[in-house]
Protein backbone atom coordinates (compact mmCIF):
# COMPACT_ATOMS: atom_id res chain seq x y z
CA MET A 1 -30.47 -8.49 -16.83
CA PRO A 2 -29.49 -11.82 -18.38
CA THR A 3 -29.34 -15.09 -16.44
CA VAL A 4 -25.99 -16.86 -16.81
CA LEU A 5 -24.74 -20.34 -15.95
CA ALA A 6 -21.11 -19.88 -14.93
CA ILE A 7 -18.26 -22.36 -14.40
CA GLU A 8 -15.09 -21.72 -12.37
CA THR A 9 -12.18 -24.21 -12.55
CA SER A 10 -9.10 -21.98 -12.48
CA CYS A 11 -7.37 -23.78 -9.60
CA ASP A 12 -8.60 -26.26 -6.98
CA GLU A 13 -12.29 -25.44 -6.59
CA THR A 14 -14.84 -26.85 -9.01
CA ALA A 15 -17.73 -24.41 -9.00
CA VAL A 16 -20.96 -23.85 -10.94
CA ALA A 17 -23.51 -21.10 -10.36
CA ILE A 18 -26.59 -19.59 -11.97
CA VAL A 19 -26.73 -15.83 -11.55
CA ASN A 20 -28.84 -12.93 -12.76
CA ASN A 21 -27.01 -9.65 -12.18
CA ARG A 22 -26.51 -9.62 -8.38
CA GLN A 23 -29.01 -12.36 -7.60
CA VAL A 24 -27.62 -15.86 -7.08
CA TYR A 25 -30.10 -18.60 -7.95
CA SER A 26 -27.66 -21.41 -7.16
CA SER A 27 -24.01 -21.77 -6.21
CA ILE A 28 -22.26 -25.14 -5.96
CA ILE A 29 -18.62 -25.42 -4.85
CA ALA A 30 -16.56 -28.59 -4.46
CA SER A 31 -13.23 -27.89 -2.74
CA GLN A 32 -10.24 -30.08 -3.50
CA ILE A 33 -8.35 -29.12 -0.33
CA PRO A 34 -8.52 -32.64 1.21
CA VAL A 35 -7.06 -34.07 -2.02
CA HIS A 36 -4.13 -31.64 -2.17
CA GLN A 37 -3.35 -31.47 1.57
CA GLN A 38 -1.16 -34.58 1.37
CA TYR A 39 1.08 -32.78 -1.13
CA GLY A 40 1.27 -29.50 0.80
CA GLY A 41 -0.09 -27.52 -2.17
CA VAL A 42 -2.07 -27.75 -5.40
CA VAL A 43 -0.89 -30.34 -7.93
CA PRO A 44 -2.09 -29.09 -11.38
CA GLU A 45 -2.64 -32.51 -12.97
CA VAL A 46 -4.57 -33.78 -9.96
CA ALA A 47 -6.71 -30.61 -9.97
CA SER A 48 -7.63 -31.09 -13.63
CA ARG A 49 -8.71 -34.70 -13.04
CA GLN A 50 -10.82 -33.70 -10.06
CA HIS A 51 -12.58 -31.05 -12.16
CA LEU A 52 -13.36 -33.67 -14.82
CA GLU A 53 -14.83 -36.05 -12.27
CA THR A 54 -16.94 -33.41 -10.50
CA LEU A 55 -18.15 -30.90 -13.10
CA ASN A 56 -21.09 -32.72 -14.76
CA HIS A 57 -22.65 -33.52 -11.41
CA GLU A 58 -22.27 -29.90 -10.27
CA ILE A 59 -23.93 -28.54 -13.42
CA ALA A 60 -26.91 -30.81 -12.78
CA GLN A 61 -26.99 -29.73 -9.11
CA ALA A 62 -26.88 -26.03 -10.01
CA MET A 63 -29.75 -26.39 -12.48
CA GLU A 64 -31.85 -28.30 -9.95
CA GLN A 65 -31.13 -25.87 -7.11
CA SER A 66 -31.95 -22.84 -9.27
CA HIS A 67 -35.38 -24.21 -10.30
CA ARG A 68 -34.66 -23.11 -13.86
CA ASP A 69 -34.51 -24.92 -17.18
CA TRP A 70 -32.24 -24.31 -20.16
CA GLY A 71 -34.85 -22.08 -21.77
CA GLN A 72 -34.38 -19.63 -18.91
CA ILE A 73 -30.58 -19.47 -19.27
CA ASP A 74 -29.42 -16.55 -21.44
CA GLY A 75 -25.69 -17.31 -21.60
CA ILE A 76 -22.93 -19.71 -20.57
CA ALA A 77 -19.71 -18.43 -18.99
CA ALA A 78 -16.44 -19.90 -17.76
CA THR A 79 -13.20 -18.59 -16.31
CA CYS A 80 -10.60 -18.53 -19.09
CA ALA A 81 -7.70 -16.67 -17.41
CA PRO A 82 -5.55 -16.56 -15.39
CA GLY A 83 -5.04 -19.94 -13.74
CA LEU A 84 -3.78 -23.48 -14.22
CA VAL A 85 -4.03 -24.21 -17.95
CA GLY A 86 -5.30 -27.78 -17.62
CA ALA A 87 -7.86 -26.83 -14.99
CA LEU A 88 -9.09 -23.84 -17.03
CA LEU A 89 -9.49 -26.04 -20.13
CA VAL A 90 -11.89 -28.36 -18.31
CA GLY A 91 -14.31 -25.55 -17.43
CA LEU A 92 -13.93 -23.67 -20.71
CA THR A 93 -14.53 -26.78 -22.83
CA ALA A 94 -17.62 -27.66 -20.81
CA ALA A 95 -19.00 -24.12 -21.17
CA LYS A 96 -18.40 -24.03 -24.93
CA THR A 97 -20.11 -27.40 -25.32
CA LEU A 98 -23.16 -26.26 -23.35
CA ALA A 99 -23.28 -23.04 -25.37
CA MET A 100 -23.29 -24.98 -28.64
CA VAL A 101 -25.76 -27.65 -27.53
CA HIS A 102 -28.26 -25.15 -26.12
CA LYS A 103 -27.53 -22.40 -28.68
CA LYS A 104 -26.57 -19.80 -26.07
CA PRO A 105 -24.00 -16.97 -26.14
CA PHE A 106 -20.64 -17.94 -24.66
CA LEU A 107 -18.48 -15.69 -22.43
CA GLY A 108 -14.91 -16.20 -21.24
CA VAL A 109 -14.38 -14.38 -17.94
CA HIS A 110 -11.19 -13.06 -16.33
CA HIS A 111 -10.79 -14.62 -12.89
CA LEU A 112 -9.67 -11.38 -11.23
CA GLU A 113 -12.65 -9.52 -12.65
CA GLY A 114 -14.75 -12.19 -10.95
CA HIS A 115 -13.15 -11.38 -7.58
CA ILE A 116 -13.95 -7.69 -8.16
CA TYR A 117 -17.58 -8.62 -8.79
CA ALA A 118 -17.81 -10.80 -5.66
CA THR A 119 -18.63 -7.75 -3.55
CA TYR A 120 -21.51 -6.80 -5.87
CA LEU A 121 -23.28 -10.01 -4.81
CA SER A 122 -23.91 -8.65 -1.30
CA GLU A 123 -23.82 -4.88 -1.89
CA SER A 124 -26.73 -3.62 -3.97
CA THR A 125 -25.49 -0.02 -3.71
CA LEU A 126 -21.94 -0.64 -4.98
CA ASP A 127 -21.15 0.94 -8.33
CA PRO A 128 -17.93 2.23 -9.94
CA PRO A 129 -15.75 4.08 -9.43
CA PHE A 130 -14.13 2.41 -6.43
CA LEU A 131 -10.82 0.85 -5.38
CA SER A 132 -10.53 -2.94 -5.35
CA LEU A 133 -8.00 -4.51 -3.00
CA LEU A 134 -7.60 -7.97 -4.49
CA VAL A 135 -5.72 -10.36 -2.20
CA SER A 136 -5.55 -14.06 -3.00
CA GLY A 137 -3.16 -16.98 -3.24
CA GLY A 138 -1.95 -15.88 -6.64
CA HIS A 139 -2.55 -12.13 -6.77
CA THR A 140 -2.25 -9.03 -4.61
CA SER A 141 -3.29 -5.84 -6.41
CA LEU A 142 -4.85 -2.42 -5.96
CA ILE A 143 -7.21 -1.86 -8.88
CA TYR A 144 -9.03 1.30 -9.89
CA VAL A 145 -12.46 0.03 -11.00
CA LYS A 146 -13.80 2.55 -13.52
CA ASP A 147 -16.54 0.51 -15.20
CA CYS A 148 -17.35 -3.01 -16.38
CA GLY A 149 -14.20 -4.16 -18.20
CA ASN A 150 -12.35 -0.89 -17.49
CA TYR A 151 -9.63 -1.35 -14.87
CA GLU A 152 -6.32 0.24 -13.98
CA THR A 153 -3.86 -1.57 -11.73
CA LEU A 154 -2.30 1.02 -9.42
CA GLY A 155 -0.27 -1.24 -7.18
CA GLU A 156 0.72 -4.88 -6.83
CA THR A 157 3.13 -7.26 -5.17
CA ARG A 158 6.52 -7.58 -6.80
CA ASP A 159 6.91 -11.23 -5.75
CA ASP A 160 4.79 -13.48 -3.52
CA ALA A 161 1.08 -12.79 -3.28
CA ALA A 162 -0.33 -12.37 0.23
CA GLY A 163 -2.09 -15.75 0.18
CA GLU A 164 1.06 -17.42 -1.11
CA ALA A 165 3.01 -15.93 1.79
CA PHE A 166 0.47 -17.36 4.26
CA ASP A 167 0.87 -20.83 2.72
CA LYS A 168 4.68 -20.68 2.70
CA VAL A 169 4.93 -19.45 6.30
CA ALA A 170 2.44 -22.10 7.44
CA ARG A 171 4.60 -24.71 5.70
CA LEU A 172 7.82 -23.56 7.38
CA LEU A 173 6.01 -23.53 10.75
CA LYS A 174 4.77 -27.06 9.94
CA LEU A 175 1.14 -26.00 10.39
CA GLY A 176 -0.34 -27.65 7.28
CA TYR A 177 -2.20 -26.50 4.15
CA PRO A 178 -3.92 -24.20 3.32
CA GLY A 179 -2.03 -21.75 5.50
CA GLY A 180 -4.39 -18.77 5.63
CA PRO A 181 -7.16 -20.20 7.85
CA ILE A 182 -4.66 -22.03 10.09
CA ILE A 183 -2.54 -18.93 10.76
CA ASP A 184 -5.65 -16.78 11.24
CA LYS A 185 -6.99 -19.14 13.90
CA LEU A 186 -3.63 -19.48 15.64
CA ALA A 187 -3.07 -15.70 15.60
CA GLN A 188 -6.19 -15.18 17.74
CA THR A 189 -4.26 -16.42 20.79
CA GLY A 190 -0.93 -14.76 19.99
CA ASN A 191 0.69 -11.39 20.61
CA PRO A 192 0.91 -9.41 17.33
CA GLN A 193 3.62 -7.18 18.82
CA ALA A 194 5.82 -10.09 19.91
CA PHE A 195 8.16 -9.84 16.91
CA ALA A 196 9.02 -6.93 14.63
CA LEU A 197 8.85 -8.09 11.02
CA PRO A 198 9.52 -6.12 7.79
CA GLU A 199 6.61 -4.83 5.72
CA GLY A 200 8.42 -5.20 2.40
CA LYS A 201 8.76 -1.73 0.91
CA ILE A 202 9.74 -1.22 -2.73
CA SER A 203 12.53 1.33 -3.24
CA LEU A 204 12.25 3.85 -6.07
CA PRO A 205 15.27 4.68 -8.29
CA GLY A 206 15.18 8.35 -7.30
CA GLY A 207 14.83 7.61 -3.58
CA GLY A 208 11.88 6.90 -1.33
CA TYR A 209 9.43 4.04 -1.66
CA HIS A 210 6.65 3.08 -4.07
CA PRO A 211 3.39 4.17 -2.42
CA TYR A 212 1.26 1.23 -3.58
CA ASP A 213 3.56 -1.68 -4.59
CA GLY A 214 4.68 -4.18 -1.97
CA SER A 215 6.67 -7.35 -1.40
CA PHE A 216 6.07 -10.37 0.81
CA SER A 217 9.09 -12.50 -0.04
CA GLY A 218 11.29 -10.68 2.48
CA LEU A 219 8.65 -11.08 5.19
CA LYS A 220 8.55 -14.82 4.58
CA THR A 221 12.36 -14.97 4.80
CA ALA A 222 12.32 -12.91 8.02
CA VAL A 223 9.98 -15.45 9.63
CA LEU A 224 12.32 -18.25 8.53
CA ARG A 225 15.34 -16.46 10.05
CA LEU A 226 13.38 -15.82 13.26
CA VAL A 227 12.46 -19.49 13.61
CA GLN A 228 16.05 -20.57 12.87
CA GLN A 229 17.41 -18.14 15.49
CA LEU A 230 14.97 -19.32 18.16
CA GLU A 231 15.82 -22.96 17.45
CA LYS A 232 19.56 -22.17 17.49
CA GLU A 233 19.13 -20.65 20.96
CA GLY A 234 17.32 -23.79 22.07
CA ARG A 235 14.05 -21.93 22.63
CA GLU A 236 10.64 -23.28 21.77
CA VAL A 237 9.06 -21.42 18.86
CA PRO A 238 5.97 -19.55 20.15
CA LEU A 239 3.79 -20.42 17.15
CA ALA A 240 0.83 -18.26 18.15
CA ASP A 241 3.02 -15.17 18.61
CA VAL A 242 4.85 -15.75 15.32
CA ALA A 243 1.51 -16.24 13.52
CA ALA A 244 0.02 -13.12 15.09
CA SER A 245 3.07 -10.98 14.29
CA PHE A 246 3.17 -12.25 10.71
CA GLN A 247 -0.55 -11.68 10.16
CA GLU A 248 -0.42 -8.21 11.73
CA THR A 249 2.47 -7.23 9.43
CA ILE A 250 0.58 -8.30 6.30
CA ALA A 251 -2.63 -6.58 7.43
CA ARG A 252 -0.75 -3.37 8.27
CA SER A 253 1.12 -3.40 4.95
CA LEU A 254 -2.02 -3.95 2.85
CA THR A 255 -4.00 -1.39 4.83
CA LYS A 256 -1.41 1.39 4.52
CA ARG A 257 -1.22 1.03 0.76
CA ALA A 258 -4.97 0.67 0.22
CA ILE A 259 -5.83 3.73 2.32
CA ALA A 260 -3.13 5.86 0.66
CA CYS A 261 -4.23 4.78 -2.80
CA ALA A 262 -7.92 5.46 -2.17
CA ARG A 263 -7.20 8.91 -0.75
CA ASP A 264 -4.75 9.87 -3.50
CA TYR A 265 -7.28 8.97 -6.21
CA GLY A 266 -10.29 10.44 -4.43
CA LEU A 267 -12.09 7.09 -4.10
CA SER A 268 -14.42 6.79 -1.13
CA THR A 269 -14.97 3.02 -1.27
CA ILE A 270 -12.53 0.10 -0.97
CA ALA A 271 -13.95 -3.29 -1.98
CA VAL A 272 -11.83 -6.25 -0.90
CA GLY A 273 -11.82 -9.54 -2.81
CA GLY A 274 -9.95 -12.85 -2.90
CA GLY A 275 -9.29 -15.57 -0.36
CA VAL A 276 -7.30 -13.32 2.00
CA ALA A 277 -10.39 -11.08 2.25
CA ALA A 278 -11.63 -13.72 4.71
CA ASN A 279 -8.71 -13.01 7.07
CA SER A 280 -9.95 -11.59 10.39
CA GLY A 281 -6.78 -9.56 10.96
CA LEU A 282 -7.08 -7.76 7.63
CA ARG A 283 -10.79 -7.11 8.15
CA LYS A 284 -10.23 -5.63 11.59
CA TYR A 285 -7.18 -3.56 10.65
CA LEU A 286 -8.55 -2.15 7.39
CA GLN A 287 -11.99 -1.31 8.78
CA ALA A 288 -10.46 0.59 11.71
CA ALA A 289 -8.08 2.57 9.47
CA ALA A 290 -10.79 3.33 6.91
CA ALA A 291 -13.10 4.68 9.61
CA GLU A 292 -10.41 7.20 10.61
CA HIS A 293 -10.41 8.59 7.04
CA ASN A 294 -14.19 8.36 6.42
CA LEU A 295 -13.74 5.64 3.81
CA ARG A 296 -16.19 2.81 3.22
CA VAL A 297 -14.73 -0.71 3.22
CA LEU A 298 -16.71 -3.62 1.81
CA PHE A 299 -15.89 -7.30 2.21
CA PRO A 300 -17.77 -10.08 0.39
CA PRO A 301 -19.46 -12.77 2.48
CA LEU A 302 -16.94 -15.48 3.39
CA LYS A 303 -18.47 -17.90 0.85
CA TYR A 304 -17.60 -15.48 -1.98
CA CYS A 305 -14.03 -14.70 -0.84
CA THR A 306 -12.55 -17.96 -2.07
CA ASP A 307 -12.95 -19.07 -5.69
CA ASN A 308 -16.59 -19.53 -6.68
CA ALA A 309 -18.70 -19.42 -9.85
CA ALA A 310 -21.26 -16.90 -8.55
CA MET A 311 -18.74 -14.06 -8.91
CA ILE A 312 -17.91 -15.26 -12.44
CA GLY A 313 -21.62 -15.32 -13.28
CA CYS A 314 -22.13 -11.83 -11.88
CA ALA A 315 -19.36 -10.45 -14.11
CA ALA A 316 -20.64 -12.38 -17.13
CA SER A 317 -24.21 -11.16 -16.61
CA ASP A 318 -23.01 -7.54 -16.65
CA HIS A 319 -20.92 -8.10 -19.79
CA LEU A 320 -23.76 -9.91 -21.58
CA SER A 321 -26.19 -7.10 -20.73
CA ARG A 322 -23.82 -4.77 -22.61
CA GLY A 323 -23.71 -7.04 -25.66
CA HIS A 324 -20.27 -8.50 -24.91
CA THR A 325 -19.83 -12.13 -26.00
CA SER A 326 -16.79 -14.31 -26.69
CA THR A 327 -16.03 -16.46 -29.74
CA LEU A 328 -15.96 -20.24 -29.46
CA THR A 329 -12.30 -20.11 -30.54
CA LEU A 330 -11.30 -18.32 -27.33
CA GLY A 331 -8.48 -20.13 -25.55
CA VAL A 332 -7.19 -20.19 -21.98
CA HIS A 333 -4.34 -18.10 -20.57
CA SER A 334 -2.22 -18.92 -17.53
CA ARG A 335 -1.49 -15.20 -17.28
CA LEU A 336 -3.45 -12.26 -18.62
CA PRO A 337 -3.30 -8.66 -17.36
CA LEU A 338 -6.61 -7.29 -16.10
CA SER A 339 -6.16 -4.39 -18.52
CA GLN A 340 -6.76 -6.86 -21.38
CA VAL A 341 -10.19 -8.01 -20.19
CA MET A 342 -12.03 -6.55 -23.19
CA ASN A 343 -9.82 -8.59 -25.55
CA LEU A 344 -11.88 -11.58 -24.42
CA TYR A 345 -15.05 -10.19 -26.01
CA GLU A 346 -16.55 -9.13 -29.30
CA HIS A 347 -18.21 -5.74 -28.87
């Protein structure tokens, strides 16, 4: 399998990795969380500048840590979609430059495909077909993984992504940013049955509910109304109980849909990816439910749940082994359906 140097700059992590198939030779990640915390969220222009300042040093670090030289690198890859356009351009331009200078094939990688491949990095026995539950700050989807580059989205959120809901609820509870880890920690000491919150079902025109699509906007609003009601009554807001109830509702909602989808499509494995895959409530809830139905659930190591370049390199290595390469005229896309992954390559 080919060895790939991969760059990930789709949002607020600057990451470089050198990967051969499922073996990670080096993985460098510089988080921008301390920079963006003062704003309560990611500022696109600030993110792009941080990538520019950090990337060259990370490339040098990744090469040194991998104990490889440019003659041992078979291809250069970078995330090209979806993400913040300015941030994506930094990584893509760097990758194209390296590809030209060192005369290597260039590959533009879909960020969500990277999250699917994150589980491959720790599971040597994982192969398609399987169901991917992708839960991050920007995306919440159920994806039927048929083969490299062959995906069918079976369910998704109609509004806020799960990670986005965590951030927004943390903000309204005045807990800080990013919201996911803070709420997860706080929920450990709370009562998840303290408050009944809506799961966010999607009604179908002919009656009933969509089995795999969901919504988190209403859940976020329900938490806001709950807090307002408690404050109106002059009661102190029990933050741990609210956090635990909110987290339990999201975990229950995601689990129900993932289990139903896997069973309906005859898939025995659910691989979870994205930043929310690190959430302890989701891990506990989904693993318990899957065991009841004899389904296998796989979570990436915590270091590969959030954005990283190792997952991008793993996807790129698989594509390159199949002869897939991208042209140097490939641009970036703020949005790009996963079904269009193969449009990124010549094959």
